[in-house]
């Protein structure tokens, strides 16, 4: 089974990065994000890479990215929504100015606590990694002759946290991993039932068929 995790296109909360967005489920794609999603779909179609099953976070920006990309591919599969694919919940910090929250003292606290740090009423990186892992483990695998291809439209923090959960990355490794808008990260599950990471944060312009 090959699982392609796509970060959503550029959204309103990305261009307002001075505000802590967290989940921000109602933040839509901006014009540039719509173009990114269409280019993603066109690229996947040109690669002849089509999914057997498609999932998305419940966030508007992820759903829009999936809908636009699939339309550009000519794919008519239903998108299955799953809360486990959502971005990290920043709790009471959501909507606050980043400059007000991330004081020197708070940054030191976060670094000392690592992946277990939770904002008030929010989630830790480990929390996100665990629910992403639960989602991935719930997928139905294909066969050796007919491997299953799963697409999921999700979020940068969720993708990084999933990789971190699988490979026991440090807090710094997890935080510094790069997953740009509409980038793709590819994970596979083989006959030994273990997960492998084939790619992380590949930009659309650099996307190639895995194994080519």
N, C-alpha and C. Protein backbone atom coordinates (compact mmCIF):
# COMPACT_ATOMS: atom_id res chain seq x y z
N UNK A 1 0.85 -1.20 0.00
CA UNK A 1 0.00 0.00 0.00
C UNK A 1 0.87 1.24 0.00
N UNK A 2 0.57 2.15 -0.89
CA UNK A 2 1.27 3.43 -0.96
C UNK A 2 0.30 4.53 -0.54
N UNK A 3 0.73 5.34 0.42
CA UNK A 3 -0.11 6.42 0.94
C UNK A 3 0.55 7.76 0.60
N UNK A 4 -0.17 8.57 -0.16
CA UNK A 4 0.32 9.89 -0.57
C UNK A 4 -0.37 10.95 0.29
N UNK A 5 0.40 11.63 1.11
CA UNK A 5 -0.13 12.68 1.96
C UNK A 5 0.20 14.03 1.33
N UNK A 6 -0.84 14.76 0.94
CA UNK A 6 -0.66 16.07 0.31
C UNK A 6 -1.00 17.17 1.32
N UNK A 7 -0.09 18.10 1.48
CA UNK A 7 -0.45 19.28 2.26
C UNK A 7 -1.37 20.15 1.40
N UNK A 8 -2.32 20.81 2.02
CA UNK A 8 -3.26 21.67 1.30
C UNK A 8 -2.53 22.82 0.61
N UNK A 9 -3.22 23.46 -0.33
CA UNK A 9 -2.68 24.64 -0.99
C UNK A 9 -2.64 25.83 -0.05
N UNK A 10 -2.01 26.91 -0.53
CA UNK A 10 -1.89 28.11 0.30
C UNK A 10 -3.27 28.62 0.68
N UNK A 11 -3.45 28.85 1.98
CA UNK A 11 -4.75 29.25 2.50
C UNK A 11 -4.65 30.57 3.25
N UNK A 12 -5.80 31.08 3.65
CA UNK A 12 -5.85 32.38 4.32
C UNK A 12 -4.98 32.40 5.56
N UNK A 13 -4.96 31.32 6.32
CA UNK A 13 -4.17 31.32 7.55
C UNK A 13 -2.66 31.30 7.25
N UNK A 14 -2.27 30.84 6.05
CA UNK A 14 -0.86 30.86 5.68
C UNK A 14 -0.37 32.28 5.38
N UNK A 15 -1.23 33.08 4.79
CA UNK A 15 -0.83 34.46 4.46
C UNK A 15 -1.02 35.39 5.65
N UNK A 16 -1.61 34.88 6.71
CA UNK A 16 -1.74 35.63 7.97
C UNK A 16 -0.95 34.91 9.05
N UNK A 17 0.32 34.64 8.76
CA UNK A 17 1.14 33.80 9.63
C UNK A 17 1.46 34.45 10.97
N UNK A 18 1.20 35.74 11.09
CA UNK A 18 1.43 36.40 12.39
C UNK A 18 0.34 36.03 13.40
N UNK A 19 -0.72 35.37 12.90
CA UNK A 19 -1.80 34.91 13.77
C UNK A 19 -1.71 33.38 13.86
N UNK A 20 -1.85 32.85 15.07
CA UNK A 20 -1.79 31.40 15.25
C UNK A 20 -3.07 30.79 14.71
N UNK A 21 -2.93 30.00 13.64
CA UNK A 21 -4.10 29.46 12.97
C UNK A 21 -4.59 28.15 13.56
N UNK A 22 -3.63 27.28 13.92
CA UNK A 22 -4.03 25.96 14.42
C UNK A 22 -4.90 25.24 13.42
N UNK A 23 -6.00 24.72 13.91
CA UNK A 23 -6.91 24.01 13.00
C UNK A 23 -7.62 24.96 12.04
N UNK A 24 -8.20 26.03 12.53
CA UNK A 24 -8.85 27.03 11.67
C UNK A 24 -9.60 26.37 10.52
N UNK A 25 -10.56 25.55 10.84
CA UNK A 25 -11.22 24.73 9.85
C UNK A 25 -11.93 25.48 8.75
N UNK A 26 -12.28 26.75 8.98
CA UNK A 26 -13.03 27.51 7.97
C UNK A 26 -12.14 28.36 7.07
N UNK A 27 -10.82 28.31 7.25
CA UNK A 27 -9.93 29.13 6.43
C UNK A 27 -9.88 28.56 5.00
N UNK A 28 -10.26 29.35 4.00
CA UNK A 28 -10.28 28.84 2.61
C UNK A 28 -8.95 29.01 1.92
N UNK A 29 -8.81 28.38 0.76
CA UNK A 29 -7.65 28.62 -0.08
C UNK A 29 -7.69 30.04 -0.61
N UNK A 30 -6.52 30.65 -0.76
CA UNK A 30 -6.43 31.92 -1.45
C UNK A 30 -6.23 31.62 -2.93
N UNK A 31 -6.20 32.66 -3.76
CA UNK A 31 -6.12 32.47 -5.22
C UNK A 31 -4.90 31.62 -5.60
N UNK A 32 -3.76 31.90 -4.96
CA UNK A 32 -2.56 31.13 -5.26
C UNK A 32 -2.71 29.66 -4.89
N UNK A 33 -3.43 29.39 -3.80
CA UNK A 33 -3.65 28.02 -3.37
C UNK A 33 -4.54 27.25 -4.34
N UNK A 34 -5.51 27.93 -4.92
CA UNK A 34 -6.38 27.30 -5.92
C UNK A 34 -5.54 26.89 -7.13
N UNK A 35 -4.64 27.78 -7.56
CA UNK A 35 -3.76 27.45 -8.69
C UNK A 35 -2.84 26.27 -8.35
N UNK A 36 -2.31 26.28 -7.13
CA UNK A 36 -1.43 25.18 -6.71
C UNK A 36 -2.16 23.84 -6.76
N UNK A 37 -3.40 23.82 -6.28
CA UNK A 37 -4.17 22.58 -6.26
C UNK A 37 -4.44 22.08 -7.68
N UNK A 38 -4.74 23.00 -8.61
CA UNK A 38 -4.99 22.62 -10.00
C UNK A 38 -3.73 22.06 -10.64
N UNK A 39 -2.60 22.70 -10.39
CA UNK A 39 -1.32 22.23 -10.95
C UNK A 39 -0.97 20.86 -10.38
N UNK A 40 -1.25 20.66 -9.10
CA UNK A 40 -1.02 19.35 -8.49
C UNK A 40 -1.81 18.28 -9.23
N UNK A 41 -3.08 18.52 -9.44
CA UNK A 41 -3.92 17.55 -10.15
C UNK A 41 -3.44 17.29 -11.57
N UNK A 42 -3.08 18.36 -12.27
CA UNK A 42 -2.60 18.22 -13.64
C UNK A 42 -1.31 17.40 -13.69
N UNK A 43 -0.45 17.61 -12.70
CA UNK A 43 0.82 16.88 -12.63
C UNK A 43 0.57 15.40 -12.36
N UNK A 44 -0.31 15.09 -11.44
CA UNK A 44 -0.61 13.70 -11.11
C UNK A 44 -1.24 12.98 -12.31
N UNK A 45 -2.09 13.69 -13.03
CA UNK A 45 -2.71 13.11 -14.23
C UNK A 45 -1.65 12.82 -15.29
N UNK A 46 -0.71 13.74 -15.47
CA UNK A 46 0.36 13.55 -16.45
C UNK A 46 1.26 12.37 -16.06
N UNK A 47 1.38 12.14 -14.76
CA UNK A 47 2.16 11.01 -14.25
C UNK A 47 1.40 9.70 -14.33
N UNK A 48 0.10 9.78 -14.65
CA UNK A 48 -0.76 8.59 -14.66
C UNK A 48 -0.82 7.95 -13.28
N UNK A 49 -0.84 8.82 -12.27
CA UNK A 49 -0.90 8.36 -10.88
C UNK A 49 -2.31 8.63 -10.34
N UNK A 50 -3.08 7.59 -10.14
CA UNK A 50 -4.47 7.73 -9.74
C UNK A 50 -4.74 6.91 -8.47
N UNK A 51 -5.58 7.41 -7.60
CA UNK A 51 -5.83 6.74 -6.32
C UNK A 51 -6.95 5.71 -6.39
N UNK A 52 -6.89 4.75 -5.48
CA UNK A 52 -8.01 3.83 -5.27
C UNK A 52 -8.98 4.38 -4.25
N UNK A 53 -8.48 5.27 -3.40
CA UNK A 53 -9.30 5.80 -2.31
C UNK A 53 -8.75 7.17 -1.94
N UNK A 54 -9.64 8.11 -1.57
CA UNK A 54 -9.22 9.47 -1.27
C UNK A 54 -9.82 9.91 0.06
N UNK A 55 -8.97 10.53 0.88
CA UNK A 55 -9.39 11.06 2.17
C UNK A 55 -9.01 12.53 2.29
N UNK A 56 -9.64 13.20 3.23
CA UNK A 56 -9.28 14.59 3.51
C UNK A 56 -9.58 14.91 4.98
N UNK A 57 -8.79 15.81 5.50
CA UNK A 57 -9.13 16.46 6.76
C UNK A 57 -10.47 17.18 6.57
N UNK A 58 -11.15 17.47 7.64
CA UNK A 58 -12.42 18.19 7.55
C UNK A 58 -12.24 19.69 7.33
N UNK A 59 -11.00 20.18 7.36
CA UNK A 59 -10.75 21.60 7.15
C UNK A 59 -11.09 22.00 5.72
N UNK A 60 -11.67 23.18 5.56
CA UNK A 60 -12.07 23.66 4.24
C UNK A 60 -10.90 23.67 3.27
N UNK A 61 -9.74 24.13 3.71
CA UNK A 61 -8.59 24.26 2.81
C UNK A 61 -8.12 22.90 2.29
N UNK A 62 -8.22 21.88 3.11
CA UNK A 62 -7.82 20.54 2.66
C UNK A 62 -8.86 19.97 1.69
N UNK A 63 -10.14 20.14 2.03
CA UNK A 63 -11.20 19.64 1.15
C UNK A 63 -11.14 20.33 -0.21
N UNK A 64 -10.95 21.65 -0.21
CA UNK A 64 -10.87 22.38 -1.48
C UNK A 64 -9.70 21.89 -2.33
N UNK A 65 -8.56 21.68 -1.69
CA UNK A 65 -7.38 21.19 -2.42
C UNK A 65 -7.68 19.85 -3.07
N UNK A 66 -8.30 18.96 -2.31
CA UNK A 66 -8.65 17.65 -2.85
C UNK A 66 -9.64 17.75 -4.00
N UNK A 67 -10.66 18.56 -3.84
CA UNK A 67 -11.68 18.68 -4.88
C UNK A 67 -11.10 19.24 -6.17
N UNK A 68 -10.28 20.28 -6.05
CA UNK A 68 -9.70 20.91 -7.23
C UNK A 68 -8.71 19.96 -7.91
N UNK A 69 -7.87 19.30 -7.14
CA UNK A 69 -6.88 18.38 -7.70
C UNK A 69 -7.55 17.21 -8.40
N UNK A 70 -8.54 16.62 -7.76
CA UNK A 70 -9.23 15.48 -8.38
C UNK A 70 -9.96 15.89 -9.64
N UNK A 71 -10.55 17.09 -9.65
CA UNK A 71 -11.23 17.58 -10.84
C UNK A 71 -10.24 17.73 -11.99
N UNK A 72 -9.05 18.26 -11.70
CA UNK A 72 -8.02 18.43 -12.73
C UNK A 72 -7.53 17.08 -13.24
N UNK A 73 -7.63 16.05 -12.41
CA UNK A 73 -7.21 14.70 -12.80
C UNK A 73 -8.30 13.96 -13.56
N UNK A 74 -9.53 14.45 -13.47
CA UNK A 74 -10.66 13.74 -14.06
C UNK A 74 -11.10 12.57 -13.21
N UNK A 75 -10.79 12.61 -11.92
CA UNK A 75 -11.16 11.53 -10.99
C UNK A 75 -12.47 11.88 -10.30
N UNK A 76 -13.39 10.93 -10.23
CA UNK A 76 -14.70 11.17 -9.66
C UNK A 76 -14.93 10.44 -8.33
N UNK A 77 -13.88 10.01 -7.69
CA UNK A 77 -14.03 9.33 -6.41
C UNK A 77 -14.53 10.28 -5.33
N UNK A 78 -15.34 9.75 -4.41
CA UNK A 78 -15.77 10.53 -3.27
C UNK A 78 -14.59 10.74 -2.32
N UNK A 79 -14.55 11.92 -1.71
CA UNK A 79 -13.52 12.20 -0.71
C UNK A 79 -14.09 11.87 0.67
N UNK A 80 -13.43 10.98 1.38
CA UNK A 80 -13.88 10.59 2.71
C UNK A 80 -13.23 11.51 3.74
N UNK A 81 -14.05 12.15 4.55
CA UNK A 81 -13.55 13.09 5.55
C UNK A 81 -13.19 12.35 6.83
N UNK A 82 -12.07 12.75 7.43
CA UNK A 82 -11.64 12.11 8.66
C UNK A 82 -10.95 13.14 9.55
N UNK A 83 -11.48 13.32 10.75
CA UNK A 83 -10.94 14.30 11.71
C UNK A 83 -9.49 13.99 12.08
N UNK A 84 -9.11 12.73 11.98
CA UNK A 84 -7.75 12.35 12.37
C UNK A 84 -6.69 12.96 11.46
N UNK A 85 -7.10 13.45 10.30
CA UNK A 85 -6.17 14.06 9.35
C UNK A 85 -6.03 15.57 9.56
N UNK A 86 -6.70 16.10 10.57
CA UNK A 86 -6.70 17.55 10.81
C UNK A 86 -5.35 18.02 11.35
N UNK A 87 -5.16 19.33 11.27
CA UNK A 87 -3.95 19.96 11.79
C UNK A 87 -3.92 19.91 13.32
N UNK A 88 -2.76 20.17 13.88
CA UNK A 88 -2.60 20.21 15.33
C UNK A 88 -3.52 21.28 15.93
N UNK A 89 -4.21 20.91 16.97
CA UNK A 89 -5.11 21.83 17.66
C UNK A 89 -4.30 22.69 18.62
N UNK A 90 -4.31 24.00 18.40
CA UNK A 90 -3.55 24.91 19.26
C UNK A 90 -4.39 25.46 20.41
N UNK A 91 -5.59 24.92 20.58
CA UNK A 91 -6.40 25.24 21.75
C UNK A 91 -6.66 26.72 21.94
N UNK A 92 -6.40 27.20 23.15
CA UNK A 92 -6.70 28.60 23.49
C UNK A 92 -5.82 29.59 22.75
N UNK A 93 -4.76 29.12 22.14
CA UNK A 93 -3.88 30.02 21.40
C UNK A 93 -4.42 30.36 20.01
N UNK A 94 -5.36 29.60 19.52
CA UNK A 94 -5.88 29.82 18.17
C UNK A 94 -6.45 31.23 18.04
N UNK A 95 -5.98 31.96 17.04
CA UNK A 95 -6.43 33.32 16.81
C UNK A 95 -5.61 34.38 17.51
N UNK A 96 -4.66 33.95 18.36
CA UNK A 96 -3.82 34.91 19.08
C UNK A 96 -2.64 35.34 18.20
N UNK A 97 -2.06 36.48 18.52
CA UNK A 97 -0.87 36.94 17.81
C UNK A 97 0.31 36.09 18.24
N UNK A 98 1.04 35.57 17.26
CA UNK A 98 2.18 34.72 17.56
C UNK A 98 3.21 35.44 18.41
N UNK A 99 3.41 36.73 18.16
CA UNK A 99 4.40 37.50 18.92
C UNK A 99 4.04 37.60 20.40
N UNK A 100 2.76 37.58 20.70
CA UNK A 100 2.33 37.66 22.10
C UNK A 100 2.49 36.33 22.83
N UNK A 101 2.37 35.25 22.10
CA UNK A 101 2.41 33.91 22.70
C UNK A 101 3.83 33.38 22.82
N UNK A 102 4.60 33.49 21.73
CA UNK A 102 5.92 32.86 21.70
C UNK A 102 7.00 33.79 22.25
N UNK A 103 6.88 34.06 23.54
CA UNK A 103 7.90 34.83 24.24
C UNK A 103 9.14 33.95 24.41
N UNK A 104 10.25 34.55 24.80
CA UNK A 104 11.47 33.78 25.02
C UNK A 104 11.24 32.70 26.06
N UNK A 105 10.51 33.03 27.12
CA UNK A 105 10.24 32.05 28.17
C UNK A 105 9.40 30.89 27.64
N UNK A 106 8.38 31.20 26.81
CA UNK A 106 7.53 30.16 26.28
C UNK A 106 8.31 29.26 25.31
N UNK A 107 9.16 29.85 24.49
CA UNK A 107 9.98 29.05 23.57
C UNK A 107 10.87 28.09 24.35
N UNK A 108 11.44 28.56 25.45
CA UNK A 108 12.28 27.68 26.28
C UNK A 108 11.45 26.53 26.86
N UNK A 109 10.23 26.83 27.27
CA UNK A 109 9.35 25.80 27.83
C UNK A 109 9.01 24.76 26.77
N UNK A 110 8.70 25.21 25.57
CA UNK A 110 8.36 24.29 24.48
C UNK A 110 9.56 23.40 24.15
N UNK A 111 10.73 23.99 24.06
CA UNK A 111 11.92 23.22 23.73
C UNK A 111 12.23 22.19 24.81
N UNK A 112 12.00 22.56 26.07
CA UNK A 112 12.29 21.64 27.18
C UNK A 112 11.28 20.50 27.23
N UNK A 113 10.03 20.77 26.86
CA UNK A 113 8.97 19.75 26.92
C UNK A 113 8.97 18.88 25.68
N UNK A 114 9.40 19.43 24.56
CA UNK A 114 9.51 18.67 23.32
C UNK A 114 8.16 18.29 22.73
N UNK A 115 8.09 17.10 22.18
CA UNK A 115 6.89 16.67 21.45
C UNK A 115 5.69 16.43 22.36
N UNK A 116 5.89 16.47 23.66
CA UNK A 116 4.78 16.32 24.60
C UNK A 116 4.14 17.65 24.97
N UNK A 117 4.70 18.78 24.47
CA UNK A 117 4.15 20.08 24.84
C UNK A 117 2.75 20.27 24.25
N UNK A 118 1.84 20.74 25.08
CA UNK A 118 0.48 21.08 24.64
C UNK A 118 0.18 22.53 25.00
N UNK A 119 -0.36 23.28 24.06
CA UNK A 119 -0.89 24.59 24.40
C UNK A 119 -2.14 24.38 25.24
N UNK A 120 -2.60 25.39 25.97
CA UNK A 120 -3.79 25.22 26.81
C UNK A 120 -4.98 24.70 26.00
N UNK A 121 -5.52 23.57 26.39
CA UNK A 121 -6.65 22.92 25.71
C UNK A 121 -6.33 22.50 24.28
N UNK A 122 -5.05 22.32 24.00
CA UNK A 122 -4.64 21.91 22.66
C UNK A 122 -4.03 20.53 22.64
N UNK A 123 -3.33 20.23 21.53
CA UNK A 123 -2.71 18.92 21.33
C UNK A 123 -1.19 19.05 21.29
N UNK A 124 -0.51 17.97 21.62
CA UNK A 124 0.93 17.90 21.43
C UNK A 124 1.23 17.28 20.07
N UNK A 125 2.48 17.38 19.65
CA UNK A 125 2.90 16.71 18.41
C UNK A 125 2.68 15.20 18.53
N UNK A 126 2.93 14.66 19.71
CA UNK A 126 2.72 13.23 19.91
C UNK A 126 1.25 12.86 19.79
N UNK A 127 0.37 13.74 20.28
CA UNK A 127 -1.07 13.49 20.13
C UNK A 127 -1.45 13.40 18.65
N UNK A 128 -0.94 14.35 17.87
CA UNK A 128 -1.25 14.38 16.44
C UNK A 128 -0.67 13.16 15.74
N UNK A 129 0.57 12.82 16.06
CA UNK A 129 1.19 11.66 15.46
C UNK A 129 0.43 10.38 15.75
N UNK A 130 -0.11 10.27 16.95
CA UNK A 130 -0.86 9.06 17.33
C UNK A 130 -2.15 8.93 16.54
N UNK A 131 -2.89 10.05 16.37
CA UNK A 131 -4.15 9.93 15.63
C UNK A 131 -3.91 9.74 14.14
N UNK A 132 -2.82 10.32 13.61
CA UNK A 132 -2.47 10.07 12.22
C UNK A 132 -2.10 8.60 12.02
N UNK A 133 -1.38 8.05 12.97
CA UNK A 133 -1.00 6.64 12.90
C UNK A 133 -2.24 5.75 12.96
N UNK A 134 -3.18 6.10 13.84
CA UNK A 134 -4.43 5.32 13.93
C UNK A 134 -5.16 5.32 12.60
N UNK A 135 -5.20 6.49 11.95
CA UNK A 135 -5.85 6.59 10.64
C UNK A 135 -5.15 5.68 9.63
N UNK A 136 -3.82 5.78 9.56
CA UNK A 136 -3.07 5.00 8.58
C UNK A 136 -3.24 3.49 8.81
N UNK A 137 -3.26 3.10 10.06
CA UNK A 137 -3.41 1.68 10.38
C UNK A 137 -4.81 1.17 10.06
N UNK A 138 -5.78 2.08 9.96
CA UNK A 138 -7.16 1.66 9.67
C UNK A 138 -7.38 1.42 8.18
N UNK A 139 -6.41 1.78 7.34
CA UNK A 139 -6.56 1.62 5.90
C UNK A 139 -6.44 0.16 5.50
N UNK A 140 -7.16 -0.17 4.46
CA UNK A 140 -7.12 -1.53 3.94
C UNK A 140 -6.00 -1.65 2.92
N UNK A 141 -5.09 -2.60 3.13
CA UNK A 141 -3.96 -2.79 2.22
C UNK A 141 -4.40 -3.51 0.95
N UNK A 142 -3.59 -3.36 -0.09
CA UNK A 142 -3.84 -4.09 -1.32
C UNK A 142 -3.12 -5.42 -1.30
N UNK A 143 -2.84 -5.96 -2.46
CA UNK A 143 -2.12 -7.23 -2.57
C UNK A 143 -0.76 -6.97 -3.20
N UNK A 144 0.07 -7.98 -3.20
CA UNK A 144 1.40 -7.85 -3.79
C UNK A 144 1.30 -7.53 -5.27
N UNK A 145 0.31 -8.15 -5.95
CA UNK A 145 0.14 -7.93 -7.39
C UNK A 145 -0.60 -6.63 -7.69
N UNK A 146 -1.46 -6.21 -6.76
CA UNK A 146 -2.25 -5.00 -6.96
C UNK A 146 -2.16 -4.12 -5.72
N UNK A 147 -1.05 -3.40 -5.57
CA UNK A 147 -0.90 -2.53 -4.39
C UNK A 147 -1.94 -1.42 -4.40
N UNK A 148 -2.39 -1.06 -3.24
CA UNK A 148 -3.43 -0.04 -3.11
C UNK A 148 -2.79 1.34 -3.02
N UNK A 149 -3.38 2.31 -3.69
CA UNK A 149 -2.90 3.69 -3.65
C UNK A 149 -3.94 4.56 -2.94
N UNK A 150 -3.52 5.20 -1.88
CA UNK A 150 -4.41 6.06 -1.09
C UNK A 150 -3.89 7.49 -1.13
N UNK A 151 -4.78 8.43 -1.43
CA UNK A 151 -4.47 9.85 -1.37
C UNK A 151 -5.14 10.42 -0.11
N UNK A 152 -4.44 11.35 0.56
CA UNK A 152 -5.05 12.06 1.68
C UNK A 152 -4.58 13.51 1.65
N UNK A 153 -5.54 14.42 1.74
CA UNK A 153 -5.26 15.85 1.74
C UNK A 153 -5.31 16.32 3.19
N UNK A 154 -4.16 16.78 3.67
CA UNK A 154 -4.02 17.02 5.10
C UNK A 154 -3.18 18.28 5.35
N UNK A 155 -2.37 18.27 6.38
CA UNK A 155 -1.70 19.49 6.85
C UNK A 155 -0.23 19.23 7.15
N UNK A 156 0.56 20.30 7.07
CA UNK A 156 2.00 20.16 7.27
C UNK A 156 2.37 19.60 8.62
N UNK A 157 1.79 20.15 9.68
CA UNK A 157 2.10 19.66 11.02
C UNK A 157 1.68 18.23 11.23
N UNK A 158 0.55 17.85 10.64
CA UNK A 158 0.06 16.48 10.78
C UNK A 158 0.99 15.51 10.06
N UNK A 159 1.46 15.88 8.88
CA UNK A 159 2.38 15.01 8.13
C UNK A 159 3.68 14.84 8.90
N UNK A 160 4.24 15.93 9.39
CA UNK A 160 5.50 15.85 10.14
C UNK A 160 5.33 15.01 11.41
N UNK A 161 4.21 15.18 12.08
CA UNK A 161 3.96 14.44 13.31
C UNK A 161 3.79 12.95 13.04
N UNK A 162 3.20 12.61 11.90
CA UNK A 162 3.06 11.20 11.52
C UNK A 162 4.43 10.58 11.30
N UNK A 163 5.27 11.26 10.52
CA UNK A 163 6.63 10.75 10.28
C UNK A 163 7.39 10.63 11.59
N UNK A 164 7.21 11.60 12.47
CA UNK A 164 7.88 11.59 13.76
C UNK A 164 7.44 10.41 14.61
N UNK A 165 6.15 10.10 14.55
CA UNK A 165 5.62 8.96 15.29
C UNK A 165 6.20 7.65 14.77
N UNK A 166 6.32 7.54 13.46
CA UNK A 166 6.82 6.31 12.86
C UNK A 166 8.29 6.07 13.16
N UNK A 167 9.08 7.14 13.12
CA UNK A 167 10.53 6.99 13.15
C UNK A 167 11.19 7.60 14.38
N UNK A 168 10.36 7.96 15.36
CA UNK A 168 10.85 8.45 16.65
C UNK A 168 11.81 9.63 16.50
N UNK A 169 11.40 10.61 15.71
CA UNK A 169 12.21 11.81 15.54
C UNK A 169 12.22 12.62 16.83
N UNK A 170 13.23 13.44 16.96
CA UNK A 170 13.29 14.39 18.06
C UNK A 170 12.34 15.55 17.78
N UNK A 171 12.11 16.37 18.79
CA UNK A 171 11.27 17.57 18.60
C UNK A 171 11.86 18.46 17.52
N UNK A 172 13.16 18.66 17.54
CA UNK A 172 13.80 19.53 16.55
C UNK A 172 13.66 18.97 15.14
N UNK A 173 13.89 17.67 14.97
CA UNK A 173 13.73 17.04 13.65
C UNK A 173 12.30 17.22 13.13
N UNK A 174 11.35 17.03 14.01
CA UNK A 174 9.94 17.13 13.61
C UNK A 174 9.61 18.56 13.20
N UNK A 175 10.01 19.51 14.00
CA UNK A 175 9.68 20.92 13.77
C UNK A 175 10.35 21.44 12.50
N UNK A 176 11.56 20.96 12.22
CA UNK A 176 12.34 21.50 11.10
C UNK A 176 12.04 20.83 9.76
N UNK A 177 11.32 19.72 9.77
CA UNK A 177 10.98 19.05 8.51
C UNK A 177 10.16 19.98 7.62
N UNK A 178 10.45 20.00 6.34
CA UNK A 178 9.81 20.93 5.42
C UNK A 178 8.70 20.25 4.63
N UNK A 179 7.50 20.82 4.70
CA UNK A 179 6.35 20.33 3.92
C UNK A 179 5.59 21.54 3.39
N UNK A 180 5.96 22.00 2.21
CA UNK A 180 5.34 23.18 1.63
C UNK A 180 3.93 22.92 1.14
N UNK A 181 3.23 23.98 0.79
CA UNK A 181 1.85 23.85 0.31
C UNK A 181 1.80 23.00 -0.96
N UNK A 182 0.90 22.04 -0.99
CA UNK A 182 0.66 21.02 -2.02
C UNK A 182 1.86 20.10 -2.25
N UNK A 183 2.82 20.10 -1.31
CA UNK A 183 3.89 19.11 -1.40
C UNK A 183 3.32 17.73 -1.09
N UNK A 184 4.05 16.70 -1.50
CA UNK A 184 3.59 15.33 -1.26
C UNK A 184 4.62 14.57 -0.44
N UNK A 185 4.13 13.80 0.50
CA UNK A 185 4.96 12.90 1.30
C UNK A 185 4.41 11.50 1.06
N UNK A 186 5.30 10.55 0.82
CA UNK A 186 4.88 9.21 0.41
C UNK A 186 5.34 8.18 1.44
N UNK A 187 4.38 7.42 1.93
CA UNK A 187 4.65 6.36 2.90
C UNK A 187 4.11 5.06 2.32
N UNK A 188 4.80 3.97 2.59
CA UNK A 188 4.36 2.68 2.08
C UNK A 188 4.39 1.64 3.19
N UNK A 189 3.50 0.67 3.05
CA UNK A 189 3.42 -0.43 4.01
C UNK A 189 3.59 -1.73 3.25
N UNK A 190 4.63 -2.47 3.59
CA UNK A 190 4.94 -3.68 2.86
C UNK A 190 4.37 -4.93 3.49
N UNK A 191 4.81 -6.06 2.97
CA UNK A 191 4.30 -7.33 3.46
C UNK A 191 4.66 -7.62 4.90
N UNK A 192 5.72 -6.96 5.40
CA UNK A 192 6.10 -7.15 6.80
C UNK A 192 5.28 -6.29 7.75
N UNK A 193 4.30 -5.55 7.18
CA UNK A 193 3.38 -4.71 7.96
C UNK A 193 4.07 -3.51 8.61
N UNK A 194 5.29 -3.22 8.20
CA UNK A 194 5.98 -2.04 8.74
C UNK A 194 5.88 -0.88 7.75
N UNK A 195 5.92 0.34 8.28
CA UNK A 195 5.80 1.53 7.46
C UNK A 195 7.18 2.01 7.03
N UNK A 196 7.24 2.52 5.80
CA UNK A 196 8.47 3.10 5.26
C UNK A 196 8.14 4.48 4.70
N UNK A 197 9.08 5.39 4.79
CA UNK A 197 8.89 6.72 4.21
C UNK A 197 9.72 6.81 2.94
N UNK A 198 9.04 7.00 1.82
CA UNK A 198 9.71 7.07 0.53
C UNK A 198 10.03 8.51 0.13
N UNK A 199 9.32 9.46 0.71
CA UNK A 199 9.56 10.86 0.39
C UNK A 199 8.87 11.73 1.43
N UNK A 200 9.43 12.91 1.66
CA UNK A 200 8.82 13.87 2.57
C UNK A 200 8.88 15.26 1.96
N UNK A 201 7.72 15.88 1.78
CA UNK A 201 7.66 17.27 1.34
C UNK A 201 8.20 17.54 -0.05
N UNK A 202 7.96 16.62 -1.00
CA UNK A 202 8.41 16.86 -2.39
C UNK A 202 7.53 17.94 -3.01
N UNK A 203 8.15 18.95 -3.57
CA UNK A 203 7.40 19.99 -4.28
C UNK A 203 6.83 19.43 -5.57
N UNK A 204 5.72 19.97 -6.01
CA UNK A 204 5.06 19.45 -7.21
C UNK A 204 5.99 19.47 -8.42
N UNK A 205 6.77 20.53 -8.54
CA UNK A 205 7.68 20.64 -9.69
C UNK A 205 8.72 19.54 -9.72
N UNK A 206 8.99 18.93 -8.57
CA UNK A 206 10.01 17.88 -8.48
C UNK A 206 9.40 16.49 -8.39
N UNK A 207 8.09 16.40 -8.51
CA UNK A 207 7.39 15.13 -8.30
C UNK A 207 7.64 14.17 -9.46
N UNK A 208 7.98 12.95 -9.10
CA UNK A 208 8.16 11.90 -10.08
C UNK A 208 7.46 10.66 -9.57
N UNK A 209 7.19 9.73 -10.46
CA UNK A 209 6.57 8.47 -10.06
C UNK A 209 7.54 7.73 -9.15
N UNK A 210 7.05 7.31 -8.01
CA UNK A 210 7.89 6.58 -7.07
C UNK A 210 8.45 5.33 -7.74
N UNK A 211 9.73 5.15 -7.62
CA UNK A 211 10.37 3.98 -8.17
C UNK A 211 10.87 4.15 -9.60
N UNK A 212 10.59 5.31 -10.21
CA UNK A 212 11.05 5.51 -11.59
C UNK A 212 12.51 5.93 -11.63
